[in-house]
Amino acid sequence: MLDQTTRTAILRLRDEGHGARAIAHALGISRGAVKRVFRTGTAEVPTLMRGELGEPHREQIVELYAVTKGNLVRVHEELCKQGVKLSYSALTAYCRRHGIGYEAPLPAGRYEFEPGQEMQHDTSPHEAQVAGRRARMQTAALVLGHSRMRFFQHYPRFTRFECKVFLTEAIQYFEGACKHCMIDNTHVVVLVGSGRDMVPAPEMAAFADRFGFEFQAHRIGDANRSAHVERFFDHIENNFLAGRSFADWEDLNREARAWCDRDNARPRRHLHASPRELFQTERVRLRPLPLHVPEVYRLHQRVVDTEGYVNVWRNRYSVPWQLIGRSVEVRETLRAVEIFDGPRLVAQHRRGLDGGEERMTEPSHRPPRGHGPGPFAQRVLDAEQRRVLGRLPEAEAYIALLRERGRGSPRELRWLLRMAKEYPVGPLGAALAEALRYGLTDLERLERMVLRRVGSDFFVLPRRDDSNDEENEQ
């Protein structure tokens, strides 16, 4: 079939007075084709009215498409079972032309961003070799819309705390923030709504005000609106993480920052420059950093337990022993845990991995050897001692011996109280006097001494000879 350009040339040459033979010879086509164009008198290519193989079976195809949940392979199998002679390619072409389970793709748009106008933020799950094992993690990324400058970090989980930590590090890496931050309706930022009606959570809105930008969300399902950051995750998965292993999370994020430095300096063909070069014009349009950028922390209220520790996410951190029983404020940052007694910083530890069940002890937080307990523990000891002496006044000297030897814990005092309740005063007092004379502080041995006295003084057991006589009499 002749195309529209050839048909236009045929009609033009005819109007100039050339015959069919001359036109056919000049264009290298047959005279019959030239005469057919003469008869139609138009340059438009006629539509071929050709019957389609799938048209007689349209109702079957539509019904099977619904039954098989859109699986055209199954539709073709069922049609073959019913004796329909239709190839799979003819079936798919028929469905495509008539819109059966197929929508024509819309043309992709193109977004142009002025310097400092927009930055795009998103997260994606990945896996990496961390500390010798395969770890699941969340990758957070931020990309500037104009220069395509990139920054990303990895976290075991991603809550509002990690989001604020990441955005703080990213904005400091770029030395400023864009006017808007585009997100994908994530619950980490969103309080209610979606798209243009999205309302950020108050703490996230306050965080954005600190750096002078606003959160915006695109329509649900409109991933192309944040395509710069979405495309970046594939690069991270197949370039940065491929074939790499890391000693710990610190090493992982340190390598990620170094990789960003190298990647941002690499020229891009579609940009005709590197992101670092384009960033020179965008930097002056960014919102400047505030004079002071406070470190992001999560606040906890804890009571120091009897061992002198506070528990945060199943990790235990030591506190000066004088604060046992006191309420303290714990500030959890990304890398450290700080403990405050009112306005005073009393302890600082490396932050353990959530759920790691680590115990972190600072030697200076423990009392010197032989030193008395803290105020709260002292009150517990005094209460237990009063209960023992109220039941057994003879134990006062023995309790003093325990204290002198670094013993006399609440557990040991409760042991003494139990013996005072269960055993007669005479044998217990005699055992205490003997233990005091020899300096014995082992309560288990003391109880055995009491039992020997109780057995011999209060229980008369039959002699072996007497029991044999009774058996003989029976």
Protein backbone atom coordinates (compact mmCIF):
# COMPACT_ATOMS: atom_id res chain seq x y z
CA MET A 1 0.00 0.00 0.00
CA LEU A 2 1.29 3.44 -0.97
CA ASP A 3 2.01 5.84 1.87
CA GLN A 4 0.53 9.30 2.10
CA THR A 5 3.66 11.06 0.82
CA THR A 6 3.73 9.00 -2.40
CA ARG A 7 0.02 9.52 -2.97
CA THR A 8 0.48 13.28 -2.55
CA ALA A 9 3.31 13.21 -5.12
CA ILE A 10 1.11 11.29 -7.62
CA LEU A 11 -1.70 13.83 -7.37
CA ARG A 12 0.72 16.75 -7.65
CA LEU A 13 2.35 15.30 -10.82
CA ARG A 14 -1.09 14.67 -12.33
CA ASP A 15 -2.05 18.29 -11.72
CA GLU A 16 1.15 19.31 -13.50
CA GLY A 17 -0.02 17.44 -16.60
CA HIS A 18 2.00 14.23 -16.44
CA GLY A 19 0.48 10.94 -17.49
CA ALA A 20 0.18 7.70 -15.50
CA ARG A 21 3.06 6.03 -17.37
CA ALA A 22 5.49 8.94 -16.69
CA ILE A 23 4.44 9.17 -13.04
CA ALA A 24 4.85 5.41 -12.53
CA HIS A 25 8.28 5.50 -14.13
CA ALA A 26 9.38 8.53 -12.07
CA LEU A 27 8.22 7.10 -8.73
CA GLY A 28 9.15 3.46 -9.44
CA ILE A 29 5.66 2.09 -8.93
CA SER A 30 3.13 0.32 -11.14
CA ARG A 31 0.69 2.14 -13.45
CA GLY A 32 -2.20 0.32 -11.75
CA ALA A 33 -1.27 1.83 -8.38
CA VAL A 34 -1.10 5.29 -9.99
CA LYS A 35 -4.52 4.84 -11.61
CA ARG A 36 -6.07 3.73 -8.28
CA VAL A 37 -4.85 6.95 -6.69
CA PHE A 38 -6.33 8.88 -9.65
CA ARG A 39 -9.70 7.23 -9.00
CA THR A 40 -9.76 8.04 -5.26
CA GLY A 41 -8.57 11.60 -5.86
CA THR A 42 -7.28 11.95 -2.25
CA ALA A 43 -3.89 11.60 -0.58
CA GLU A 44 -5.34 9.93 2.54
CA VAL A 45 -4.50 6.27 2.91
CA PRO A 46 -7.73 4.22 2.81
CA THR A 47 -8.59 2.09 5.83
CA LEU A 48 -8.51 -1.63 5.17
CA MET A 49 -11.78 -3.26 6.09
CA ARG A 50 -10.55 -6.68 7.08
CA GLY A 51 -12.36 -9.13 9.30
CA GLU A 52 -10.77 -10.06 12.64
CA LEU A 53 -10.40 -13.67 13.76
CA GLY A 54 -11.44 -12.86 17.31
CA GLU A 55 -14.62 -10.95 16.44
CA PRO A 56 -16.92 -14.02 16.22
CA HIS A 57 -15.80 -15.09 19.71
CA ARG A 58 -15.95 -11.69 21.45
CA GLU A 59 -18.56 -12.72 24.03
CA GLN A 60 -16.57 -15.83 24.98
CA ILE A 61 -13.35 -13.82 25.30
CA VAL A 62 -14.98 -11.18 27.54
CA GLU A 63 -16.59 -13.86 29.75
CA LEU A 64 -13.40 -15.90 30.08
CA TYR A 65 -11.37 -12.77 30.79
CA ALA A 66 -13.54 -12.09 33.85
CA VAL A 67 -13.48 -15.73 35.02
CA THR A 68 -9.68 -16.07 34.71
CA LYS A 69 -9.04 -12.70 36.40
CA GLY A 70 -7.43 -11.21 33.32
CA ASN A 71 -5.02 -14.04 32.56
CA LEU A 72 -4.96 -14.18 28.73
CA VAL A 73 -2.90 -17.38 28.77
CA ARG A 74 -5.78 -19.11 30.55
CA VAL A 75 -8.29 -17.46 28.22
CA HIS A 76 -6.42 -18.90 25.21
CA GLU A 77 -6.29 -22.36 26.81
CA GLU A 78 -10.06 -22.37 27.45
CA LEU A 79 -10.80 -21.16 23.92
CA CYS A 80 -8.68 -23.99 22.48
CA LYS A 81 -10.61 -26.48 24.64
CA GLN A 82 -13.83 -25.15 23.12
CA GLY A 83 -12.47 -25.72 19.61
CA VAL A 84 -11.76 -22.10 18.71
CA LYS A 85 -8.88 -21.80 16.25
CA LEU A 86 -7.19 -18.59 17.34
CA SER A 87 -3.50 -18.07 18.01
CA TYR A 88 -2.34 -16.45 21.25
CA SER A 89 -0.83 -13.47 19.40
CA ALA A 90 -4.12 -12.91 17.52
CA LEU A 91 -6.00 -13.05 20.85
CA THR A 92 -3.75 -10.50 22.56
CA ALA A 93 -3.84 -8.21 19.50
CA TYR A 94 -7.66 -8.37 19.43
CA CYS A 95 -7.89 -7.57 23.16
CA ARG A 96 -5.44 -4.70 22.77
CA ARG A 97 -7.30 -3.15 19.80
CA HIS A 98 -10.70 -3.41 21.49
CA GLY A 99 -9.65 -2.39 24.99
CA ILE A 100 -10.34 -5.70 26.72
CA GLY A 101 -8.24 -5.46 29.88
CA TYR A 102 -5.93 -2.96 28.24
CA GLU A 103 -5.59 0.78 28.57
CA ALA A 104 -3.47 2.78 26.21
CA PRO A 105 -0.52 4.28 28.08
CA LEU A 106 -0.65 8.00 28.66
CA PRO A 107 2.38 10.06 27.66
CA ALA A 108 4.79 10.65 30.52
CA GLY A 109 5.10 14.24 31.70
CA ARG A 110 8.23 16.17 32.38
CA TYR A 111 8.78 18.29 35.47
CA GLU A 112 11.10 21.26 35.44
CA PHE A 113 12.28 22.63 38.76
CA GLU A 114 13.81 26.00 39.44
CA PRO A 115 16.90 26.09 41.71
CA GLY A 116 15.84 25.66 45.34
CA GLN A 117 12.22 24.91 44.45
CA GLU A 118 11.79 21.25 45.46
CA MET A 119 13.49 18.28 47.07
CA GLN A 120 12.04 14.75 46.98
CA HIS A 121 12.13 12.34 49.93
CA ASP A 122 11.16 8.66 50.09
CA THR A 123 12.14 5.34 51.67
CA SER A 124 12.54 1.81 50.32
CA PRO A 125 13.24 -1.59 51.96
CA HIS A 126 16.53 -3.30 51.13
CA GLU A 127 18.85 -5.98 52.50
CA ALA A 128 22.58 -5.78 53.15
CA GLN A 129 25.37 -7.80 54.76
CA VAL A 130 25.90 -6.08 58.13
CA ALA A 131 28.12 -7.51 60.89
CA GLY A 132 28.30 -10.90 59.20
CA ARG A 133 24.58 -11.46 58.71
CA ARG A 134 21.87 -10.47 56.25
CA ALA A 135 19.98 -7.52 57.70
CA ARG A 136 16.72 -5.98 56.54
CA MET A 137 16.71 -2.20 56.56
CA GLN A 138 14.98 0.94 55.35
CA THR A 139 16.86 3.15 52.90
CA ALA A 140 15.97 6.85 53.17
CA ALA A 141 16.91 9.15 50.28
CA LEU A 142 16.65 12.86 49.47
CA VAL A 143 17.19 14.29 45.95
CA LEU A 144 17.23 17.96 44.91
CA GLY A 145 14.90 18.52 41.96
CA HIS A 146 17.03 20.99 39.99
CA SER A 147 20.62 19.77 40.39
CA ARG A 148 19.81 16.08 41.15
CA MET A 149 22.14 16.11 44.15
CA ARG A 150 21.59 12.89 46.13
CA PHE A 151 21.94 11.76 49.72
CA PHE A 152 20.86 8.53 51.42
CA GLN A 153 21.28 6.60 54.67
CA HIS A 154 20.17 3.22 56.06
CA TYR A 155 18.26 2.46 59.29
CA PRO A 156 16.98 -0.77 60.92
CA ARG A 157 13.54 0.87 61.04
CA PHE A 158 12.09 4.23 60.00
CA THR A 159 9.86 6.15 62.40
CA ARG A 160 9.38 9.89 62.86
CA PHE A 161 12.53 9.94 64.97
CA GLU A 162 14.66 8.41 62.20
CA CYS A 163 12.93 10.66 59.64
CA LYS A 164 13.92 13.80 61.52
CA VAL A 165 17.44 12.48 62.06
CA PHE A 166 17.83 11.69 58.34
CA LEU A 167 16.42 14.99 57.07
CA THR A 168 18.65 16.89 59.49
CA GLU A 169 21.75 15.10 58.19
CA ALA A 170 20.65 15.48 54.55
CA ILE A 171 19.94 19.21 54.87
CA GLN A 172 23.27 19.72 56.58
CA TYR A 173 24.93 17.73 53.77
CA PHE A 174 23.36 20.09 51.19
CA GLU A 175 24.00 23.11 53.46
CA GLY A 176 20.40 24.21 53.04
CA ALA A 177 16.85 23.14 52.20
CA CYS A 178 14.54 23.67 49.24
CA LYS A 179 11.21 25.47 49.54
CA HIS A 180 9.17 22.24 49.33
CA CYS A 181 9.81 18.62 50.27
CA MET A 182 7.75 16.18 48.16
CA ILE A 183 6.71 12.93 49.90
CA ASP A 184 4.52 9.96 48.94
CA ASN A 185 1.81 10.29 51.66
CA THR A 186 3.88 8.32 54.19
CA HIS A 187 2.31 7.96 57.64
CA VAL A 188 5.65 8.98 59.15
CA VAL A 189 4.92 12.57 58.08
CA VAL A 190 1.17 12.66 57.37
CA LEU A 191 -1.41 13.26 60.08
CA VAL A 192 -4.53 13.20 57.87
CA GLY A 193 -5.39 13.51 54.18
CA SER A 194 -3.41 12.83 51.04
CA GLY A 195 -2.13 14.72 48.02
CA ARG A 196 -2.99 18.41 48.12
CA ASP A 197 -5.21 17.84 51.18
CA MET A 198 -2.37 16.32 53.22
CA VAL A 199 -1.86 17.75 56.72
CA PRO A 200 1.50 16.90 58.32
CA ALA A 201 1.78 15.82 61.94
CA PRO A 202 2.41 18.78 64.29
CA GLU A 203 5.89 17.62 65.29
CA MET A 204 6.87 17.17 61.62
CA ALA A 205 5.44 20.58 60.71
CA ALA A 206 7.44 22.12 63.55
CA PHE A 207 10.54 20.31 62.32
CA ALA A 208 10.01 21.67 58.79
CA ASP A 209 9.61 25.21 60.17
CA ARG A 210 13.00 24.88 61.81
CA PHE A 211 14.65 24.58 58.37
CA GLY A 212 12.23 26.83 56.49
CA PHE A 213 10.55 24.30 54.15
CA GLU A 214 7.08 22.75 53.77
CA PHE A 215 6.02 19.14 53.28
CA GLN A 216 3.91 18.44 50.18
CA ALA A 217 2.42 15.11 49.03
CA HIS A 218 1.63 13.96 45.50
CA ARG A 219 -1.51 12.13 44.42
CA ILE A 220 -1.75 8.54 45.62
CA GLY A 221 -0.38 6.30 42.88
CA ASP A 222 1.34 9.16 41.03
CA ALA A 223 4.87 7.83 41.52
CA ASN A 224 6.14 9.79 38.52
CA ARG A 225 5.73 12.98 40.55
CA SER A 226 8.71 11.91 42.66
CA ALA A 227 10.53 9.99 39.94
CA HIS A 228 13.97 11.42 40.77
CA VAL A 229 14.08 9.76 44.18
CA GLU A 230 12.17 6.63 43.04
CA ARG A 231 14.71 5.96 40.28
CA PHE A 232 17.55 6.47 42.75
CA PHE A 233 16.63 3.36 44.78
CA ASP A 234 17.35 1.08 41.83
CA HIS A 235 20.82 2.63 41.57
CA ILE A 236 21.41 2.02 45.29
CA GLU A 237 20.26 -1.62 45.06
CA ASN A 238 22.30 -2.53 41.98
CA ASN A 239 25.37 -0.37 42.52
CA PHE A 240 26.05 0.62 46.11
CA LEU A 241 24.77 -2.52 47.88
CA ALA A 242 25.83 -5.01 45.21
CA GLY A 243 28.72 -7.16 46.45
CA ARG A 244 29.43 -5.03 49.54
CA SER A 245 29.50 -6.03 53.22
CA PHE A 246 29.76 -3.76 56.24
CA ALA A 247 31.19 -4.08 59.74
CA ASP A 248 28.21 -2.35 61.44
CA TRP A 249 25.55 0.30 60.84
CA GLU A 250 28.03 3.12 61.39
CA ASP A 251 30.29 1.68 58.70
CA LEU A 252 27.31 1.23 56.34
CA ASN A 253 26.19 4.86 56.60
CA ARG A 254 29.75 6.16 56.45
CA GLU A 255 30.28 4.29 53.18
CA ALA A 256 26.93 5.59 51.89
CA ARG A 257 27.98 9.20 52.48
CA ALA A 258 31.31 8.64 50.72
CA TRP A 259 29.50 6.97 47.80
CA CYS A 260 27.20 10.03 47.52
CA ASP A 261 30.25 12.29 47.27
CA ARG A 262 31.58 10.27 44.33
CA ASP A 263 28.21 9.82 42.62
CA ASN A 264 27.30 13.51 42.81
CA ALA A 265 30.58 14.40 41.08
CA ARG A 266 29.91 12.00 38.16
CA PRO A 267 28.73 13.70 34.92
CA ARG A 268 25.17 12.91 33.74
CA ARG A 269 24.53 12.62 30.02
CA HIS A 270 20.98 14.01 30.18
CA LEU A 271 22.09 16.91 32.39
CA HIS A 272 25.18 17.73 30.29
CA ALA A 273 26.97 18.30 33.61
CA SER A 274 27.45 16.69 37.00
CA PRO A 275 25.00 17.31 39.88
CA ARG A 276 27.86 18.92 41.80
CA GLU A 277 28.35 21.49 39.03
CA LEU A 278 24.63 22.29 38.81
CA PHE A 279 24.49 22.53 42.58
CA GLN A 280 26.72 25.60 42.49
CA THR A 281 23.83 27.61 41.03
CA GLU A 282 21.23 25.98 43.28
CA ARG A 283 23.12 26.44 46.55
CA VAL A 284 22.53 30.20 46.67
CA ARG A 285 18.74 29.63 46.32
CA LEU A 286 18.44 27.14 49.21
CA ARG A 287 16.98 28.08 52.59
CA PRO A 288 20.06 28.69 54.78
CA LEU A 289 20.68 26.56 57.85
CA PRO A 290 19.57 28.05 61.17
CA LEU A 291 22.26 29.50 63.41
CA HIS A 292 21.98 26.47 65.73
CA VAL A 293 20.87 23.00 64.60
CA PRO A 294 19.96 21.00 67.75
CA GLU A 295 20.56 17.28 67.72
CA VAL A 296 17.39 15.27 67.23
CA TYR A 297 16.50 13.14 70.25
CA ARG A 298 13.65 11.01 71.57
CA LEU A 299 12.60 11.70 75.15
CA HIS A 300 11.91 9.01 77.79
CA GLN A 301 11.06 9.19 81.50
CA ARG A 302 12.58 6.35 83.51
CA VAL A 303 13.06 5.34 87.17
CA VAL A 304 16.52 4.02 88.05
CA ASP A 305 16.15 0.40 89.15
CA THR A 306 17.73 -1.20 92.21
CA GLU A 307 20.76 -2.27 90.15
CA GLY A 308 21.45 1.30 89.03
CA TYR A 309 20.27 1.00 85.40
CA VAL A 310 17.59 2.47 83.13
CA ASN A 311 15.98 0.39 80.38
CA VAL A 312 15.50 1.82 76.87
CA TRP A 313 14.32 -0.48 74.04
CA ARG A 314 15.51 -3.56 76.00
CA ASN A 315 19.00 -2.14 76.46
CA ARG A 316 20.23 -1.21 79.97
CA TYR A 317 22.37 1.84 80.67
CA SER A 318 24.11 2.49 84.00
CA VAL A 319 23.40 5.57 86.11
CA PRO A 320 25.35 6.86 89.18
CA TRP A 321 24.36 4.65 92.09
CA GLN A 322 23.27 7.63 94.19
CA LEU A 323 20.23 8.02 91.87
CA ILE A 324 18.75 4.57 92.53
CA GLY A 325 14.98 4.95 92.84
CA ARG A 326 14.99 8.46 91.34
CA SER A 327 13.11 9.54 88.20
CA VAL A 328 15.45 10.65 85.42
CA GLU A 329 15.08 12.01 81.88
CA VAL A 330 16.60 9.94 79.05
CA ARG A 331 17.40 11.58 75.71
CA GLU A 332 17.95 9.04 72.95
CA THR A 333 19.86 10.39 69.94
CA LEU A 334 20.90 8.43 66.86
CA ARG A 335 24.28 7.42 68.30
CA ALA A 336 24.10 8.11 72.06
CA VAL A 337 21.86 7.90 75.11
CA GLU A 338 22.09 10.86 77.52
CA ILE A 339 20.63 10.70 81.03
CA PHE A 340 19.69 13.87 82.91
CA ASP A 341 18.88 14.41 86.57
CA GLY A 342 16.86 17.57 86.18
CA PRO A 343 19.01 19.95 84.08
CA ARG A 344 22.27 18.08 84.83
CA LEU A 345 23.82 15.49 82.52
CA VAL A 346 24.73 12.56 84.78
CA ALA A 347 25.48 9.77 82.26
CA GLN A 348 26.19 9.28 78.57
CA HIS A 349 26.44 5.97 76.71
CA ARG A 350 26.75 4.65 73.18
CA ARG A 351 23.26 3.86 71.89
CA GLY A 352 22.70 0.13 71.53
CA LEU A 353 20.73 -1.44 68.71
CA ASP A 354 17.00 -1.56 69.52
CA GLY A 355 16.15 -4.91 71.09
CA GLY A 356 19.85 -5.82 71.42
CA GLU A 357 19.55 -6.53 75.18
CA GLU A 358 22.95 -4.97 75.82
CA ARG A 359 24.12 -3.88 79.27
CA MET A 360 26.36 -0.80 79.25
CA THR A 361 28.12 -0.01 82.52
CA GLU A 362 30.35 2.92 83.37
CA PRO A 363 32.70 1.88 86.22
CA SER A 364 32.45 5.29 87.86
CA HIS A 365 28.69 4.72 88.30
CA ARG A 366 29.27 1.85 90.73
CA PRO A 367 29.92 2.57 94.45
CA PRO A 368 33.45 2.05 95.82
CA ARG A 369 34.05 -1.29 97.50
CA GLY A 370 32.57 -1.27 100.98
CA HIS A 371 30.66 1.93 100.39
CA GLY A 372 27.08 2.11 101.54
CA PRO A 373 24.08 1.91 99.21
CA GLY A 374 22.15 4.85 97.82
CA PRO A 375 19.24 6.62 99.55
CA PHE A 376 16.48 4.47 98.10
CA ALA A 377 18.30 1.19 98.69
CA GLN A 378 19.21 2.38 102.18
CA ARG A 379 15.54 2.92 102.98
CA VAL A 380 14.76 -0.61 101.77
CA LEU A 381 17.56 -2.05 103.93
CA ASP A 382 16.43 -0.10 107.00
CA ALA A 383 12.86 -1.33 106.56
CA GLU A 384 13.96 -4.97 106.26
CA GLN A 385 16.27 -4.62 109.28
CA ARG A 386 13.46 -3.21 111.42
CA ARG A 387 11.26 -6.17 110.51
CA VAL A 388 14.00 -8.67 111.52
CA LEU A 389 14.82 -6.92 114.80
CA GLY A 390 11.13 -6.59 115.64
CA ARG A 391 10.88 -10.37 115.45
CA LEU A 392 14.38 -11.28 116.69
CA PRO A 393 16.23 -8.54 118.66
CA GLU A 394 19.18 -10.95 119.23
CA ALA A 395 20.10 -10.59 115.52
CA GLU A 396 21.29 -6.95 115.80
CA ALA A 397 24.96 -7.86 116.35
CA TYR A 398 24.86 -10.45 113.56
CA ILE A 399 23.36 -7.94 111.10
CA ALA A 400 26.18 -5.54 112.00
CA LEU A 401 28.67 -8.34 111.17
CA LEU A 402 27.00 -8.84 107.78
CA ARG A 403 27.26 -5.11 107.05
CA GLU A 404 30.91 -5.11 108.05
CA ARG A 405 31.64 -7.96 105.63
CA GLY A 406 29.83 -6.22 102.74
CA ARG A 407 26.76 -8.44 103.08
CA GLY A 408 23.32 -7.70 104.52
CA SER A 409 21.39 -7.24 101.28
CA PRO A 410 17.55 -7.12 101.38
CA ARG A 411 17.52 -10.74 100.23
CA GLU A 412 19.71 -11.86 103.16
CA LEU A 413 17.66 -9.85 105.66
CA ARG A 414 14.47 -11.48 104.36
CA TRP A 415 16.20 -14.86 104.80
CA LEU A 416 16.86 -14.02 108.45
CA LEU A 417 13.25 -12.90 108.88
CA ARG A 418 11.97 -16.19 107.47
CA MET A 419 14.13 -18.16 109.92
CA ALA A 420 12.86 -16.01 112.79
CA LYS A 421 9.30 -16.90 111.80
CA GLU A 422 9.85 -20.62 111.24
CA TYR A 423 12.30 -21.69 114.00
CA PRO A 424 12.16 -21.43 117.82
CA VAL A 425 13.96 -18.45 119.34
CA GLY A 426 16.26 -20.57 121.53
CA PRO A 427 18.00 -22.64 118.82
CA LEU A 428 18.12 -19.66 116.45
CA GLY A 429 19.64 -17.38 119.09
CA ALA A 430 22.25 -20.03 120.01
CA ALA A 431 23.17 -20.51 116.35
CA LEU A 432 23.50 -16.74 115.89
CA ALA A 433 25.76 -16.47 118.91
CA GLU A 434 28.01 -19.27 117.62
CA ALA A 435 28.12 -17.77 114.10
CA LEU A 436 28.97 -14.38 115.58
CA ARG A 437 31.77 -15.90 117.68
CA TYR A 438 33.38 -17.54 114.62
CA GLY A 439 32.53 -14.76 112.15
CA LEU A 440 30.34 -16.93 109.90
CA THR A 441 28.26 -14.95 107.36
CA ASP A 442 27.02 -17.82 105.21
CA LEU A 443 23.26 -17.92 105.89
CA GLU A 444 22.85 -21.39 104.42
CA ARG A 445 25.40 -22.73 106.93
CA LEU A 446 23.68 -20.75 109.68
CA GLU A 447 20.35 -22.42 108.87
CA ARG A 448 21.94 -25.87 109.02
CA MET A 449 23.28 -25.01 112.51
CA VAL A 450 19.76 -24.02 113.57
CA LEU A 451 18.27 -27.25 112.17
CA ARG A 452 20.79 -29.40 114.09
CA ARG A 453 19.78 -27.71 117.34
CA VAL A 454 16.08 -27.94 116.58
CA GLY A 455 16.36 -31.64 115.72
CA SER A 456 18.20 -32.62 118.92
CA ASP A 457 16.33 -30.37 121.37
CA PHE A 458 12.74 -30.50 120.21
CA PHE A 459 12.21 -33.84 118.44
CA VAL A 460 12.73 -37.20 120.28
CA LEU A 461 13.36 -39.91 117.69
CA PRO A 462 13.03 -43.62 118.68
CA ARG A 463 16.29 -45.54 119.04
CA ARG A 464 17.00 -48.32 116.56
CA ASP A 465 16.92 -50.99 119.36
CA ASP A 466 13.54 -49.75 120.59
CA SER A 467 12.01 -49.87 117.14
CA ASN A 468 13.31 -53.45 116.64
CA ASP A 469 11.72 -54.55 119.98
CA GLU A 470 8.37 -53.08 118.96
CA GLU A 471 8.52 -54.91 115.63
CA ASN A 472 9.36 -58.20 117.41
CA GLU A 473 6.40 -57.77 119.79
CA GLN A 474 4.07 -57.28 116.84
